[in-house]
């Protein structure tokens, strides 16, 4: 078996072939054809900046919105571009009409940066934060729905729910959760950082007030590319984090105009979205939806295989799995407290001694490590088989007994 074991599609990525990259979920990886498109846009921009920004940018920007809106099923006038999903979450939290004593509902699977933003706003505005514990293993989606439903209080004003949690990678039943929250007159902000390009996203069907998602992860655009969706009736309240020259312009749509210009910046990552979607569509006979299913099938097969080889109960079912799979993988004897997204020593051992890049971080319920694998077009089952061999070897090695 070849150690790197990549598929034929790896030729489209500039990945280090000496590393087995099982961590597309952390930062994505932009394909070479998309990077070439960005380079051409940058050359166009720098060749005549005034022409680009004042005469050409608006059409390119709107075209990117239309293509993306078609993919995620919403009106293109309801989405704007932001640098990442964390920016989208901060934007809503800092524009939302809170009153002292209001409660923000979150879960313990919230992304750490977004949790920090929630507590920052809560401390500033005298709000309360209701953090709901979602424990592993999960048998079905209704366990999450019922847990959230039973945790709503009369003070709950806004709920921030992950669509696909970063750790351990569970697809939340956001449509059902949103319906329950709406029945209690609670607004919903969905952090869909991992959703676009991983799962078949339908914002109209979910029907949240706010939705934000990254394009630079599973849609494989250049870094700094994400979107924010705001329902029409809320758009007059939402402002970008940077207030710039377009704020008081009375023409056209203030919401669109204000987000479209926040100062001179490299906007080419947004403009590469159509090219990235075109590229991903080319990798499978059934287009991007076929690629999503292929990646889902691969990561769940690998997850089942790892659980079987190490006698671990499946942490969540296949229908709650996208292209990530997080497995509770034994306690780290050196863990004293819960530090999500900090690397376990085991992650560095795999990287430095076996050339495997995979997430191994911490989880609180129960207190274990989470081994999180990811799958993209360039990955193959042989790479996860090699991961299993490496883990078995490490577990048997006496020099690591204080860690594992």
Foldseek 3Di string as FASTA:
>chain_A
DDQQPWDPVCVQFPDDSLFNEQPLQPFHGAGPVLVVLLVVVVVVCVVDVCCCPPPNVVVLLLVLLVVVCVQQPDDSVQKFKFQALLQQLLQCLVLPDDAAAAEEEEEPLADVSSVVSVVVSCVVRNYYYHYFYDFWQDEDQVVVLVSLLVRDDLRHAEYEYECFRSVPTWGHPLLSNLVSCVVSVHAYEYRDAPPVLFARHHCVSSPGQKYKYACCRNLNFDHRIIMMGGPPVCQVRTAGPAADDLCPPPDDDNSHRRRSDRDDDSPSSSSSSVVSQVVQQVLDPNGSNVQFVVLLVLQVVLQVVLCVVVVFDQRYDSVRHTFKGKGFDAAFLPDDDADFPDAAVVQVCCCPPVSYHWGWHFDVNPTGIITMGGGGNTDDNVNSVSVSVVVVVLCPDPVCPNGD
